[in-house]
Amino acid sequence: MNGKQLISTLRHWLVVLALLAVPHFAQAACTSTPAMPYLQALSNIAVAANLAVGSTIPGTVHYYSFSGTCANVPPYVVAGAPIICSIKSA
């Protein structure tokens, strides 16, 4: 293996290591935020046939309060950003 191949191989592995480390550094910005081990179960939902597409289903809006702290490290943590919820069937 000549010098150019060695440098190319080292550069390749440094890029791979950097890509593996990035998610861990991004996650470390919010280590003090508490986890939310809470599952919100909704009762049966009936949707009117005349409800417009994209409208909020009546009776499905719930308000929650979250507290915690994160280091404000843009673009990973944006203060005041909404928390989005996904409803999936089990």
C-alpha atoms as a PDB file:
ATOM      1  CA  MET A   1       0.000   0.000   0.000  1.00  0.00           C
ATOM      2  CA  ASN A   2       1.550   3.290  -1.051  1.00  0.00           C
ATOM      3  CA  GLY A   3       1.250   6.618   0.768  1.00  0.00           C
ATOM      4  CA  LYS A   4      -1.676   7.919  -1.311  1.00  0.00           C
ATOM      5  CA  GLN A   5      -3.724   4.788  -0.682  1.00  0.00           C
ATOM      6  CA  LEU A   6      -2.974   4.957   3.047  1.00  0.00           C
ATOM      7  CA  ILE A   7      -4.067   8.591   3.280  1.00  0.00           C
ATOM      8  CA  SER A   8      -7.202   7.838   1.253  1.00  0.00           C
ATOM      9  CA  THR A   9      -8.073   4.902   3.521  1.00  0.00           C
ATOM     10  CA  LEU A  10      -7.482   6.957   6.678  1.00  0.00           C
ATOM     11  CA  ARG A  11      -9.613   9.797   5.322  1.00  0.00           C
ATOM     12  CA  HIS A  12     -12.395   7.316   4.502  1.00  0.00           C
ATOM     13  CA  TRP A  13     -12.404   5.890   8.042  1.00  0.00           C
ATOM     14  CA  LEU A  14     -12.316   9.357   9.621  1.00  0.00           C
ATOM     15  CA  VAL A  15     -15.433  10.293   7.648  1.00  0.00           C
ATOM     16  CA  VAL A  16     -17.147   7.066   8.731  1.00  0.00           C
ATOM     17  CA  LEU A  17     -16.282   7.708  12.394  1.00  0.00           C
ATOM     18  CA  ALA A  18     -17.493  11.306  12.160  1.00  0.00           C
ATOM     19  CA  LEU A  19     -20.817  10.196  10.671  1.00  0.00           C
ATOM     20  CA  LEU A  20     -21.262   7.637  13.444  1.00  0.00           C
ATOM     21  CA  ALA A  21     -20.524  10.229  16.142  1.00  0.00           C
ATOM     22  CA  VAL A  22     -22.853  13.002  14.901  1.00  0.00           C
ATOM     23  CA  PRO A  23     -26.144  11.530  16.241  1.00  0.00           C
ATOM     24  CA  HIS A  24     -24.610  11.072  19.692  1.00  0.00           C
ATOM     25  CA  PHE A  25     -23.453  14.683  19.872  1.00  0.00           C
ATOM     26  CA  ALA A  26     -26.846  15.976  18.726  1.00  0.00           C
ATOM     27  CA  GLN A  27     -28.635  13.877  21.336  1.00  0.00           C
ATOM     28  CA  ALA A  28     -26.295  15.091  24.074  1.00  0.00           C
ATOM     29  CA  ALA A  29     -27.711  18.619  23.731  1.00  0.00           C
ATOM     30  CA  CYS A  30     -30.849  17.590  25.668  1.00  0.00           C
ATOM     31  CA  THR A  31     -29.563  15.249  28.331  1.00  0.00           C
ATOM     32  CA  SER A  32     -31.367  17.128  31.105  1.00  0.00           C
ATOM     33  CA  THR A  33     -34.811  16.893  29.530  1.00  0.00           C
ATOM     34  CA  PRO A  34     -36.913  14.265  31.293  1.00  0.00           C
ATOM     35  CA  ALA A  35     -38.320  11.402  29.279  1.00  0.00           C
ATOM     36  CA  MET A  36     -42.056  11.042  28.931  1.00  0.00           C
ATOM     37  CA  PRO A  37     -43.027   7.481  29.765  1.00  0.00           C
ATOM     38  CA  TYR A  38     -46.679   8.245  29.171  1.00  0.00           C
ATOM     39  CA  LEU A  39     -49.084   6.813  26.650  1.00  0.00           C
ATOM     40  CA  GLN A  40     -52.259   8.776  26.004  1.00  0.00           C
ATOM     41  CA  ALA A  41     -55.083   6.452  25.057  1.00  0.00           C
ATOM     42  CA  LEU A  42     -58.000   8.082  23.266  1.00  0.00           C
ATOM     43  CA  SER A  43     -61.484   6.672  23.514  1.00  0.00           C
ATOM     44  CA  ASN A  44     -63.460   5.800  20.405  1.00  0.00           C
ATOM     45  CA  ILE A  45     -63.449   8.543  17.811  1.00  0.00           C
ATOM     46  CA  ALA A  46     -66.303   9.119  15.390  1.00  0.00           C
ATOM     47  CA  VAL A  47     -65.720  11.449  12.470  1.00  0.00           C
ATOM     48  CA  ALA A  48     -68.595  13.193  10.731  1.00  0.00           C
ATOM     49  CA  ALA A  49     -68.800  12.536   7.003  1.00  0.00           C
ATOM     50  CA  ASN A  50     -68.949  16.274   6.281  1.00  0.00           C
ATOM     51  CA  LEU A  51     -65.747  17.119   8.215  1.00  0.00           C
ATOM     52  CA  ALA A  52     -63.314  18.844   5.873  1.00  0.00           C
ATOM     53  CA  VAL A  53     -60.042  17.090   5.059  1.00  0.00           C
ATOM     54  CA  GLY A  54     -57.306  18.382   7.368  1.00  0.00           C
ATOM     55  CA  SER A  55     -59.745  19.681   9.989  1.00  0.00           C
ATOM     56  CA  THR A  56     -59.335  18.892  13.665  1.00  0.00           C
ATOM     57  CA  ILE A  57     -61.582  16.062  14.783  1.00  0.00           C
ATOM     58  CA  PRO A  58     -63.870  17.426  17.536  1.00  0.00           C
ATOM     59  CA  GLY A  59     -63.002  16.063  20.978  1.00  0.00           C
ATOM     60  CA  THR A  60     -59.466  15.017  20.058  1.00  0.00           C
ATOM     61  CA  VAL A  61     -57.538  18.109  21.168  1.00  0.00           C
ATOM     62  CA  HIS A  62     -55.694  17.582  24.471  1.00  0.00           C
ATOM     63  CA  TYR A  63     -53.371  20.019  26.221  1.00  0.00           C
ATOM     64  CA  TYR A  64     -50.269  18.952  28.122  1.00  0.00           C
ATOM     65  CA  SER A  65     -47.514  20.714  30.014  1.00  0.00           C
ATOM     66  CA  PHE A  66     -43.891  19.678  29.639  1.00  0.00           C
ATOM     67  CA  SER A  67     -41.027  20.913  31.712  1.00  0.00           C
ATOM     68  CA  GLY A  68     -37.333  20.365  31.286  1.00  0.00           C
ATOM     69  CA  THR A  69     -34.212  22.032  30.068  1.00  0.00           C
ATOM     70  CA  CYS A  70     -32.112  21.735  26.974  1.00  0.00           C
ATOM     71  CA  ALA A  71     -29.004  23.517  25.916  1.00  0.00           C
ATOM     72  CA  ASN A  72     -30.134  25.735  23.055  1.00  0.00           C
ATOM     73  CA  VAL A  73     -27.918  24.360  20.310  1.00  0.00           C
ATOM     74  CA  PRO A  74     -29.432  25.326  16.944  1.00  0.00           C
ATOM     75  CA  PRO A  75     -30.418  23.708  14.656  1.00  0.00           C
ATOM     76  CA  TYR A  76     -31.045  20.665  16.870  1.00  0.00           C
ATOM     77  CA  VAL A  77     -32.922  22.405  19.700  1.00  0.00           C
ATOM     78  CA  VAL A  78     -35.221  25.298  18.900  1.00  0.00           C
ATOM     79  CA  ALA A  79     -36.737  27.032  21.923  1.00  0.00           C
ATOM     80  CA  GLY A  80     -40.521  27.278  21.670  1.00  0.00           C
ATOM     81  CA  ALA A  81     -40.808  24.720  18.884  1.00  0.00           C
ATOM     82  CA  PRO A  82     -44.043  22.705  18.946  1.00  0.00           C
ATOM     83  CA  ILE A  83     -44.055  19.087  20.078  1.00  0.00           C
ATOM     84  CA  ILE A  84     -45.684  16.994  17.381  1.00  0.00           C
ATOM     85  CA  CYS A  85     -47.663  13.873  18.220  1.00  0.00           C
ATOM     86  CA  SER A  86     -48.375  10.938  15.969  1.00  0.00           C
ATOM     87  CA  ILE A  87     -51.394   8.727  16.561  1.00  0.00           C
ATOM     88  CA  LYS A  88     -50.843   5.154  15.447  1.00  0.00           C
ATOM     89  CA  SER A  89     -53.095   2.172  15.907  1.00  0.00           C
ATOM     90  CA  ALA A  90     -51.753  -0.718  17.930  1.00  0.00           C
END
